[in-house]
Amino acid sequence: MATADPLRPTLMTRLRAGLGGEQDGRVLEALRQAGMGAYHELMVADQARDRLTVDGYSVWTAPPGVGSHLLAAWAAVTVQRLGETMLDSVYAADPGTVGYVYPVTFQQVWHWLSAVEGWLSLAGEARDNPGYDISAALRVPVSLPVGPVARDCPAEHRDAMLLAMAVLRQHAETAMHQLEADAPADARKSVGMVKRMAGLAATSADYVAGLHVAHDDVRLHAVIDDRVRVALNLWFHIGQLAALPRLLTAYRVPSAARLLEPGAPGPAAVHAVLPVSRGSWLPQAPPAPDPAAAQVPDEETFEGRGDALVPLALPQTPHTAIISHDGSGTFSVWSLTETDEDLDLLVNRIGAYRGECALNFVEVPSALRINTKGGWRIVVRPLRHAPEWTGTAAGDGAAVLRVARGSASGMTLLRFSHSGHRYVGVTAYAEYVRALISDAGPCTEEVLLPEDTFAIEVDADGPWTLRAL
């Protein structure tokens, strides 16, 4: 039987979709069509890699522009395929509502398909510039925004997410095998780390597959969500690392993945302790009252010059960090776990810098590690001291905006404009942590602000504006 045209839903289709609470997917179909150029871009990038082989080179020794082109093209095709897979899967599951999708599916597909343009833009910059270095414009490898999989989701959405996971697995494992085939003898350790990551991802995915007879049991939904999220991000990282292997010298396996190693907590404990990087969608429970909070100063200032380790004693209540640097060289600030493992890269810049970032909105760090030769200053303060979002805001660089309770009731449409030339990201903190924008260079985008958002974080290197429409 022929599949209905999702761009021309019948009256009966619209009625069925309305009764089922589904959303019009025509905008997603438009994004699907707009992103089809990703396949051609990857073909061009693969041809460039083939020429490397003829010339006696490989991705391990290629000019940065070639690796950057491969990375951006691979990522563009991957998010395009993920979005397409989700749409086709939910259409096949319910032919009576082709062209309409559940709200949770709409959000996930929107995030993936709308990211294609940014990756294609980066691929275009790298294509004809052998000296182009994508890592100077973007923090790579980039994590994949992954929303709910099973928890509070219809079965059609869950099954589509699992099918998308299988697609990404195939893409990543193909890239990994190519990386291993081209690897020089002294890269054995790096290849081993990538293979270990692939093994962790496969273990996670296979575990979820083994639960298929009980996928509808709500007691397992947190486990399914966490395992799928970890597997997807590991495979997405693998594909990027395989395109630009020099990233492996400074890369560390995400701490969330370490929970899947032997000796890690069992499935019942995973949801309670799984570390989550900013930009993910793991539900955040309201923080419990912290008796130690009263003992923490309202605002703390740390200053110094050169490398340093700054211990922190933060309560569970949200805090931000205003970070500044007056040197001319490289400046980076990492938040650390209690075991001194890297938690989040807060700043990674060259030269003078000033910006504000979220500090403990997801996990509570125990320290900050500063690497620089210049002078630096960090002011840690409660979120309540951040500027309040009033429906419009403007800034230059990184910032955090406090959203008053009740001012983000319902979904609010925002228009964000950025005139800088490097990475720009906008994150909303609500019941879920959502990456609203992840782009590079000048851009203007319209996004939905989730209901009950309590903070908005902007990561930018230039002037920006944000206003409600």
Protein backbone atom coordinates (compact mmCIF):
# COMPACT_ATOMS: atom_id res chain seq x y z
CA MET A 1 0.00 0.00 0.00
CA ALA A 2 1.38 3.43 -0.94
CA THR A 3 2.34 5.73 1.92
CA ALA A 4 0.26 8.89 2.27
CA ASP A 5 1.89 12.20 1.37
CA PRO A 6 2.96 13.87 4.66
CA LEU A 7 2.81 17.28 2.96
CA ARG A 8 -0.84 16.79 1.93
CA PRO A 9 -2.71 15.22 4.85
CA THR A 10 -6.34 14.40 4.22
CA LEU A 11 -9.20 15.72 6.33
CA MET A 12 -9.51 12.32 8.03
CA THR A 13 -5.79 12.35 8.81
CA ARG A 14 -6.07 15.78 10.40
CA LEU A 15 -9.06 14.67 12.49
CA ARG A 16 -7.29 11.53 13.71
CA ALA A 17 -4.15 13.50 14.54
CA GLY A 18 -6.14 16.13 16.42
CA LEU A 19 -7.86 13.51 18.53
CA GLY A 20 -4.49 11.93 19.31
CA GLY A 21 -2.85 15.22 20.29
CA GLU A 22 -0.33 15.08 17.44
CA GLN A 23 1.39 18.07 15.80
CA ASP A 24 1.58 19.03 12.14
CA GLY A 25 4.86 17.67 10.79
CA ARG A 26 5.02 19.67 7.56
CA VAL A 27 7.70 21.95 8.97
CA LEU A 28 9.76 18.84 9.75
CA GLU A 29 9.29 17.65 6.18
CA ALA A 30 10.55 21.04 5.00
CA LEU A 31 13.65 20.63 7.18
CA ARG A 32 14.11 17.11 5.80
CA GLN A 33 14.12 18.40 2.23
CA ALA A 34 16.38 21.34 3.07
CA GLY A 35 18.96 19.00 4.59
CA MET A 36 19.24 16.59 1.67
CA GLY A 37 22.41 18.37 0.54
CA ALA A 38 24.21 16.67 3.43
CA TYR A 39 24.51 13.47 1.40
CA HIS A 40 26.28 15.24 -1.45
CA GLU A 41 28.59 17.00 1.03
CA LEU A 42 29.62 13.69 2.57
CA MET A 43 30.27 12.23 -0.89
CA VAL A 44 32.60 15.17 -1.65
CA ALA A 45 34.35 14.70 1.71
CA ASP A 46 34.80 10.97 1.08
CA GLN A 47 36.32 11.74 -2.32
CA ALA A 48 38.81 14.05 -0.61
CA ARG A 49 39.70 11.22 1.79
CA ASP A 50 40.21 8.86 -1.15
CA ARG A 51 42.63 11.35 -2.70
CA LEU A 52 44.59 11.33 0.54
CA THR A 53 45.12 7.59 0.17
CA VAL A 54 46.34 8.01 -3.41
CA ASP A 55 48.80 10.69 -2.23
CA GLY A 56 50.10 8.49 0.59
CA TYR A 57 48.26 10.21 3.45
CA SER A 58 45.38 9.29 5.76
CA VAL A 59 43.02 11.05 8.16
CA TRP A 60 45.77 10.71 10.77
CA THR A 61 48.16 12.89 8.73
CA ALA A 62 45.71 14.96 6.67
CA PRO A 63 45.63 18.77 6.67
CA PRO A 64 43.17 20.09 9.28
CA GLY A 65 40.77 21.28 6.57
CA VAL A 66 40.25 17.76 5.23
CA GLY A 67 39.54 16.29 8.65
CA SER A 68 37.30 19.23 9.53
CA HIS A 69 35.37 18.72 6.28
CA LEU A 70 34.94 15.01 7.01
CA LEU A 71 33.78 15.68 10.56
CA ALA A 72 31.21 18.32 9.63
CA ALA A 73 29.88 16.34 6.65
CA TRP A 74 29.63 13.14 8.70
CA ALA A 75 27.77 14.95 11.48
CA ALA A 76 25.42 16.61 8.97
CA VAL A 77 24.48 13.29 7.38
CA THR A 78 24.13 11.63 10.76
CA VAL A 79 21.63 14.10 12.23
CA GLN A 80 19.81 14.14 8.87
CA ARG A 81 19.50 10.34 8.90
CA LEU A 82 18.41 10.31 12.53
CA GLY A 83 15.62 12.79 11.85
CA GLU A 84 14.51 10.96 8.71
CA THR A 85 14.50 7.63 10.53
CA MET A 86 12.33 9.01 13.32
CA LEU A 87 9.78 10.46 10.89
CA ASP A 88 9.57 7.39 8.68
CA SER A 89 9.25 5.12 11.71
CA VAL A 90 6.34 6.97 13.31
CA TYR A 91 4.60 7.28 9.93
CA ALA A 92 4.91 3.53 9.37
CA ALA A 93 3.64 2.79 12.88
CA ASP A 94 0.46 4.82 12.34
CA PRO A 95 -0.35 5.25 8.62
CA GLY A 96 -3.61 6.93 9.56
CA THR A 97 -1.80 10.05 10.79
CA VAL A 98 1.04 10.39 8.27
CA GLY A 99 2.26 13.98 8.35
CA TYR A 100 1.56 14.36 12.08
CA VAL A 101 3.75 13.36 15.02
CA TYR A 102 3.55 13.36 18.80
CA PRO A 103 4.89 16.53 20.48
CA VAL A 104 7.86 14.69 22.02
CA THR A 105 8.75 13.30 18.58
CA PHE A 106 8.35 16.73 17.00
CA GLN A 107 10.81 18.23 19.47
CA GLN A 108 13.41 15.50 18.93
CA VAL A 109 13.22 15.53 15.14
CA TRP A 110 13.26 19.34 15.13
CA HIS A 111 16.49 19.40 17.16
CA TRP A 112 18.20 16.92 14.85
CA LEU A 113 17.05 18.20 11.45
CA SER A 114 17.53 21.87 12.33
CA ALA A 115 21.18 21.13 13.19
CA VAL A 116 21.97 20.02 9.62
CA GLU A 117 22.33 23.57 8.29
CA GLY A 118 24.98 24.49 10.85
CA TRP A 119 27.06 21.41 10.08
CA LEU A 120 26.78 22.05 6.34
CA SER A 121 27.96 25.62 6.87
CA LEU A 122 31.05 24.37 8.70
CA ALA A 123 31.65 21.73 6.02
CA GLY A 124 31.51 24.42 3.35
CA GLU A 125 34.10 26.51 5.18
CA ALA A 126 36.45 23.54 5.43
CA ARG A 127 35.93 22.18 1.90
CA ASP A 128 38.18 24.61 0.06
CA ASN A 129 40.47 25.65 2.89
CA PRO A 130 43.18 23.09 3.81
CA GLY A 131 44.13 25.18 6.85
CA TYR A 132 40.62 25.41 8.29
CA ASP A 133 40.39 23.96 11.81
CA ILE A 134 36.86 23.21 13.00
CA SER A 135 38.05 22.89 16.60
CA ALA A 136 38.82 26.62 16.59
CA ALA A 137 35.17 27.38 15.80
CA LEU A 138 33.41 24.62 17.73
CA ARG A 139 34.01 22.48 20.79
CA VAL A 140 34.40 19.11 19.15
CA PRO A 141 33.39 16.41 19.55
CA VAL A 142 29.90 17.84 20.02
CA SER A 143 27.33 15.91 22.02
CA LEU A 144 23.99 14.94 20.54
CA PRO A 145 20.80 16.45 22.02
CA VAL A 146 18.73 13.46 23.10
CA GLY A 147 15.30 13.85 24.63
CA PRO A 148 13.04 11.36 26.40
CA VAL A 149 12.99 7.88 24.89
CA ALA A 150 10.49 5.86 26.92
CA ARG A 151 9.54 7.86 29.99
CA ASP A 152 6.10 9.46 29.49
CA CYS A 153 6.40 8.75 25.75
CA PRO A 154 4.13 6.84 23.35
CA ALA A 155 5.42 3.46 22.19
CA GLU A 156 5.73 4.74 18.61
CA HIS A 157 8.21 7.40 19.74
CA ARG A 158 10.22 4.93 21.80
CA ASP A 159 10.46 2.46 18.92
CA ALA A 160 11.51 5.24 16.54
CA MET A 161 14.28 6.31 18.93
CA LEU A 162 15.55 2.74 19.17
CA LEU A 163 15.58 2.47 15.38
CA ALA A 164 17.49 5.77 15.17
CA MET A 165 19.99 4.36 17.66
CA ALA A 166 20.60 1.38 15.36
CA VAL A 167 21.20 3.74 12.42
CA LEU A 168 23.76 5.78 14.37
CA ARG A 169 25.47 2.60 15.54
CA GLN A 170 26.00 1.52 11.93
CA HIS A 171 27.35 4.95 10.95
CA ALA A 172 29.74 5.10 13.89
CA GLU A 173 31.05 1.55 13.57
CA THR A 174 31.76 2.09 9.87
CA ALA A 175 33.73 5.23 10.73
CA MET A 176 35.60 3.41 13.50
CA HIS A 177 36.67 0.56 11.21
CA GLN A 178 38.01 3.11 8.70
CA LEU A 179 39.92 4.85 11.50
CA GLU A 180 41.48 1.57 12.61
CA ALA A 181 42.42 0.57 9.05
CA ASP A 182 44.32 3.84 8.50
CA ALA A 183 45.93 4.03 11.95
CA PRO A 184 49.74 4.20 12.20
CA ALA A 185 51.57 1.89 14.58
CA ASP A 186 51.96 4.55 17.29
CA ALA A 187 48.20 5.18 17.42
CA ARG A 188 47.32 1.82 18.95
CA LYS A 189 46.41 3.35 22.32
CA SER A 190 44.07 5.91 20.74
CA VAL A 191 42.38 3.29 18.58
CA GLY A 192 41.97 1.11 21.65
CA MET A 193 40.14 3.90 23.46
CA VAL A 194 37.74 4.36 20.53
CA LYS A 195 37.08 0.62 20.38
CA ARG A 196 36.44 0.62 24.11
CA MET A 197 33.91 3.43 23.66
CA ALA A 198 32.20 1.46 20.90
CA GLY A 199 32.06 -1.55 23.19
CA LEU A 200 30.45 0.49 25.96
CA ALA A 201 27.88 1.89 23.54
CA ALA A 202 27.10 -1.55 22.14
CA THR A 203 26.69 -2.98 25.64
CA SER A 204 24.25 -0.21 26.49
CA ALA A 205 22.24 -0.67 23.29
CA ASP A 206 22.18 -4.45 23.56
CA TYR A 207 21.01 -4.20 27.15
CA VAL A 208 18.06 -2.05 26.07
CA ALA A 209 17.29 -4.51 23.27
CA GLY A 210 17.28 -7.32 25.83
CA LEU A 211 14.53 -5.50 27.72
CA HIS A 212 12.19 -5.54 24.71
CA VAL A 213 9.66 -7.88 26.32
CA ALA A 214 9.16 -5.31 29.10
CA HIS A 215 9.57 -2.03 27.24
CA ASP A 216 6.09 -0.97 28.37
CA ASP A 217 6.94 -1.42 32.06
CA VAL A 218 7.29 2.11 33.46
CA ARG A 219 9.77 0.86 36.07
CA LEU A 220 12.31 0.38 33.27
CA HIS A 221 11.78 3.64 31.43
CA ALA A 222 14.46 5.57 33.33
CA VAL A 223 16.97 2.82 32.56
CA ILE A 224 16.02 2.81 28.87
CA ASP A 225 16.30 6.60 28.63
CA ASP A 226 19.72 6.72 30.28
CA ARG A 227 21.22 3.82 28.34
CA VAL A 228 20.01 5.09 24.97
CA ARG A 229 21.30 8.59 25.72
CA VAL A 230 24.76 7.30 26.64
CA ALA A 231 24.96 4.99 23.60
CA LEU A 232 23.89 7.70 21.15
CA ASN A 233 26.41 10.20 22.47
CA LEU A 234 29.28 7.71 22.51
CA TRP A 235 28.62 6.77 18.89
CA PHE A 236 28.23 10.41 17.85
CA HIS A 237 31.58 11.20 19.48
CA ILE A 238 33.21 8.19 17.79
CA GLY A 239 32.18 9.40 14.34
CA GLN A 240 33.68 12.84 14.95
CA LEU A 241 36.89 11.44 16.44
CA ALA A 242 37.29 9.09 13.49
CA ALA A 243 37.11 12.03 11.09
CA LEU A 244 39.63 14.14 13.01
CA PRO A 245 41.87 11.71 14.96
CA ARG A 246 44.13 14.41 16.38
CA LEU A 247 41.27 15.20 18.78
CA LEU A 248 42.06 11.90 20.50
CA THR A 249 45.21 13.28 22.11
CA ALA A 250 43.18 15.43 24.53
CA TYR A 251 39.90 13.49 24.51
CA ARG A 252 38.47 11.81 27.59
CA VAL A 253 35.60 9.34 27.57
CA PRO A 254 32.49 11.10 28.97
CA SER A 255 32.03 10.33 32.64
CA ALA A 256 28.49 9.05 32.00
CA ALA A 257 29.94 6.22 29.95
CA ARG A 258 32.15 5.10 32.82
CA LEU A 259 29.05 3.95 34.69
CA LEU A 260 28.64 1.20 32.11
CA GLU A 261 32.05 -0.31 32.82
CA PRO A 262 32.41 -3.44 35.00
CA GLY A 263 31.81 -2.61 38.63
CA ALA A 264 29.49 0.28 37.86
CA PRO A 265 26.13 0.61 39.66
CA GLY A 266 23.40 -1.74 38.51
CA PRO A 267 20.43 -0.68 36.35
CA ALA A 268 18.27 0.33 39.29
CA ALA A 269 20.90 2.82 40.45
CA VAL A 270 21.86 4.30 37.09
CA HIS A 271 19.18 6.99 36.95
CA ALA A 272 20.06 8.32 40.38
CA VAL A 273 23.77 8.75 39.75
CA LEU A 274 24.25 9.11 36.00
CA PRO A 275 26.29 12.26 35.29
CA VAL A 276 24.79 14.41 32.56
CA SER A 277 26.58 17.04 30.49
CA ARG A 278 24.88 20.34 29.75
CA GLY A 279 22.70 20.16 26.67
CA SER A 280 21.13 16.80 27.52
CA TRP A 281 17.51 16.26 28.46
CA LEU A 282 17.71 14.21 31.66
CA PRO A 283 14.84 15.23 33.96
CA GLN A 284 16.03 17.21 36.95
CA ALA A 285 14.27 16.67 40.26
CA PRO A 286 13.76 19.77 42.44
CA PRO A 287 16.78 20.10 44.75
CA ALA A 288 16.27 18.98 48.32
CA PRO A 289 16.86 21.55 51.07
CA ASP A 290 20.56 21.71 51.85
CA PRO A 291 21.43 22.38 55.51
CA ALA A 292 24.93 23.41 54.45
CA ALA A 293 23.60 26.16 52.20
CA ALA A 294 23.39 28.64 55.06
CA GLN A 295 27.12 28.15 55.72
CA VAL A 296 28.10 29.06 52.15
CA PRO A 297 28.91 32.75 51.52
CA ASP A 298 26.39 34.56 49.33
CA GLU A 299 29.20 35.37 46.90
CA GLU A 300 32.78 34.12 46.68
CA THR A 301 35.64 35.60 44.68
CA PHE A 302 38.77 33.72 43.64
CA GLU A 303 41.72 35.43 41.96
CA GLY A 304 45.13 34.35 40.78
CA ARG A 305 47.68 34.11 38.00
CA GLY A 306 48.70 30.98 36.17
CA ASP A 307 47.49 27.40 36.64
CA ALA A 308 45.41 26.73 39.73
CA LEU A 309 42.98 24.34 41.40
CA VAL A 310 40.11 26.12 43.17
CA PRO A 311 38.13 24.03 45.70
CA LEU A 312 34.39 24.69 45.91
CA ALA A 313 31.79 24.08 48.61
CA LEU A 314 28.50 24.59 46.80
CA PRO A 315 24.97 23.81 47.99
CA GLN A 316 22.38 22.21 45.71
CA THR A 317 20.79 25.57 44.89
CA PRO A 318 21.75 26.87 41.40
CA HIS A 319 24.90 28.98 41.22
CA THR A 320 26.74 30.68 38.37
CA ALA A 321 30.36 31.67 37.81
CA ILE A 322 31.50 35.00 36.37
CA ILE A 323 34.90 34.23 34.86
CA SER A 324 37.43 36.73 33.51
CA HIS A 325 40.96 36.47 32.09
CA ASP A 326 43.46 39.19 31.19
CA GLY A 327 46.16 37.14 29.45
CA SER A 328 46.93 36.77 25.76
CA GLY A 329 47.37 33.00 25.63
CA THR A 330 45.15 29.96 26.06
CA PHE A 331 42.67 30.04 28.94
CA SER A 332 40.57 27.07 30.03
CA VAL A 333 38.43 26.30 33.08
CA TRP A 334 37.16 22.82 33.87
CA SER A 335 34.74 21.89 36.64
CA LEU A 336 35.75 18.69 38.45
CA THR A 337 34.02 15.87 40.29
CA GLU A 338 34.90 14.79 43.83
CA THR A 339 37.37 12.31 42.31
CA ASP A 340 39.00 15.07 40.23
CA GLU A 341 37.54 13.84 36.95
CA ASP A 342 36.63 16.41 34.30
CA LEU A 343 32.97 17.32 34.58
CA ASP A 344 32.35 20.27 32.25
CA LEU A 345 34.52 22.57 30.15
CA LEU A 346 33.26 25.99 31.24
CA VAL A 347 35.69 28.16 29.25
CA ASN A 348 38.13 27.46 26.43
CA ARG A 349 39.39 30.68 24.87
CA ILE A 350 42.50 32.46 23.66
CA GLY A 351 43.17 35.97 24.97
CA ALA A 352 41.10 38.24 27.18
CA TYR A 353 37.74 36.87 28.27
CA ARG A 354 34.76 37.68 30.46
CA GLY A 355 31.52 35.74 30.74
CA GLU A 356 29.05 34.06 33.08
CA CYS A 357 28.13 30.37 32.96
CA ALA A 358 25.98 27.85 34.82
CA LEU A 359 27.99 26.08 37.50
CA ASN A 360 25.91 23.47 39.33
CA PHE A 361 22.59 23.39 37.47
CA VAL A 362 23.00 19.67 36.70
CA GLU A 363 25.82 18.35 38.87
CA VAL A 364 27.61 19.94 41.81
CA PRO A 365 31.34 20.30 41.09
CA SER A 366 33.88 20.03 43.89
CA ALA A 367 36.57 22.19 42.27
CA LEU A 368 37.61 24.24 39.25
CA ARG A 369 40.85 23.65 37.33
CA ILE A 370 42.32 26.74 35.65
CA ASN A 371 44.99 26.48 32.96
CA THR A 372 46.60 29.74 31.83
CA LYS A 373 49.70 31.89 32.08
CA GLY A 374 47.68 35.07 32.63
CA GLY A 375 45.66 36.56 35.44
CA TRP A 376 42.15 35.35 36.18
CA ARG A 377 39.19 36.09 38.44
CA ILE A 378 36.14 33.94 39.24
CA VAL A 379 33.07 35.14 41.13
CA VAL A 380 30.70 32.37 42.26
CA ARG A 381 27.21 33.59 43.11
CA PRO A 382 23.63 32.28 43.47
CA LEU A 383 21.45 32.34 40.38
CA ARG A 384 19.17 34.89 42.05
CA HIS A 385 21.88 37.53 41.45
CA ALA A 386 21.89 36.94 37.67
CA PRO A 387 20.04 39.41 35.41
CA GLU A 388 16.32 38.68 35.21
CA TRP A 389 14.77 37.74 31.88
CA THR A 390 11.99 40.21 31.09
CA GLY A 391 11.16 39.11 27.57
CA THR A 392 14.14 40.80 25.96
CA ALA A 393 17.87 40.74 26.61
CA ALA A 394 21.13 41.64 24.90
CA GLY A 395 24.74 40.93 25.67
CA ASP A 396 28.24 40.38 24.37
CA GLY A 397 29.70 36.99 25.23
CA ALA A 398 28.61 34.29 27.67
CA ALA A 399 25.73 35.08 30.04
CA VAL A 400 23.10 33.52 32.30
CA LEU A 401 19.58 34.94 32.58
CA ARG A 402 17.29 34.19 35.51
CA VAL A 403 13.67 33.50 34.52
CA ALA A 404 11.13 34.51 37.16
CA ARG A 405 8.71 31.80 38.26
CA GLY A 406 5.59 31.80 36.09
CA SER A 407 6.99 34.07 33.38
CA ALA A 408 7.63 31.08 31.09
CA SER A 409 4.21 29.46 31.39
CA GLY A 410 3.37 27.71 28.15
CA MET A 411 5.76 27.48 25.21
CA THR A 412 7.25 30.89 24.37
CA LEU A 413 8.66 31.59 20.91
CA LEU A 414 12.05 33.33 21.03
CA ARG A 415 14.17 35.00 18.38
CA PHE A 416 17.92 34.83 18.97
CA SER A 417 20.47 36.73 16.89
CA HIS A 418 24.25 36.40 17.13
CA SER A 419 26.90 38.42 15.27
CA GLY A 420 30.02 36.65 16.56
CA HIS A 421 32.15 34.36 14.41
CA ARG A 422 32.66 31.29 16.57
CA TYR A 423 30.49 28.79 18.43
CA VAL A 424 27.18 29.94 19.89
CA GLY A 425 24.86 27.92 22.09
CA VAL A 426 21.67 28.65 24.01
CA THR A 427 20.48 26.29 26.75
CA ALA A 428 17.22 26.34 28.70
CA TYR A 429 17.03 24.88 32.20
CA ALA A 430 13.58 23.64 33.23
CA GLU A 431 12.28 20.19 34.15
CA TYR A 432 14.56 19.08 31.33
CA VAL A 433 17.83 20.67 30.25
CA ARG A 434 17.40 21.54 26.59
CA ALA A 435 19.94 22.73 24.04
CA LEU A 436 17.89 25.26 22.08
CA ILE A 437 20.65 26.42 19.71
CA SER A 438 24.04 25.01 18.74
CA ASP A 439 25.57 26.90 15.82
CA ALA A 440 28.63 28.82 14.69
CA GLY A 441 29.09 32.32 13.31
CA PRO A 442 26.43 34.96 12.66
CA CYS A 443 22.92 33.53 12.88
CA THR A 444 19.29 34.35 13.61
CA GLU A 445 17.07 31.54 14.84
CA GLU A 446 13.60 31.14 16.31
CA VAL A 447 13.16 28.53 19.04
CA LEU A 448 10.59 27.53 21.64
CA LEU A 449 11.37 28.22 25.30
CA PRO A 450 10.15 25.26 27.38
CA GLU A 451 7.47 25.81 29.97
CA ASP A 452 8.69 26.53 33.52
CA THR A 453 12.22 27.43 32.40
CA PHE A 454 14.08 28.90 35.37
CA ALA A 455 17.31 29.95 33.59
CA ILE A 456 18.66 30.60 30.10
CA GLU A 457 22.37 30.23 29.37
CA VAL A 458 24.02 31.86 26.35
CA ASP A 459 27.48 30.72 25.26
CA ALA A 460 28.73 33.18 22.64
CA ASP A 461 31.85 35.05 21.56
CA GLY A 462 30.15 38.19 20.25
CA PRO A 463 27.09 40.45 20.52
CA TRP A 464 23.69 38.77 20.74
CA THR A 465 20.03 39.61 21.33
CA LEU A 466 17.21 37.44 22.64
CA ARG A 467 13.56 38.45 22.69
CA ALA A 468 10.15 36.87 22.98
CA LEU A 469 7.89 37.12 19.93
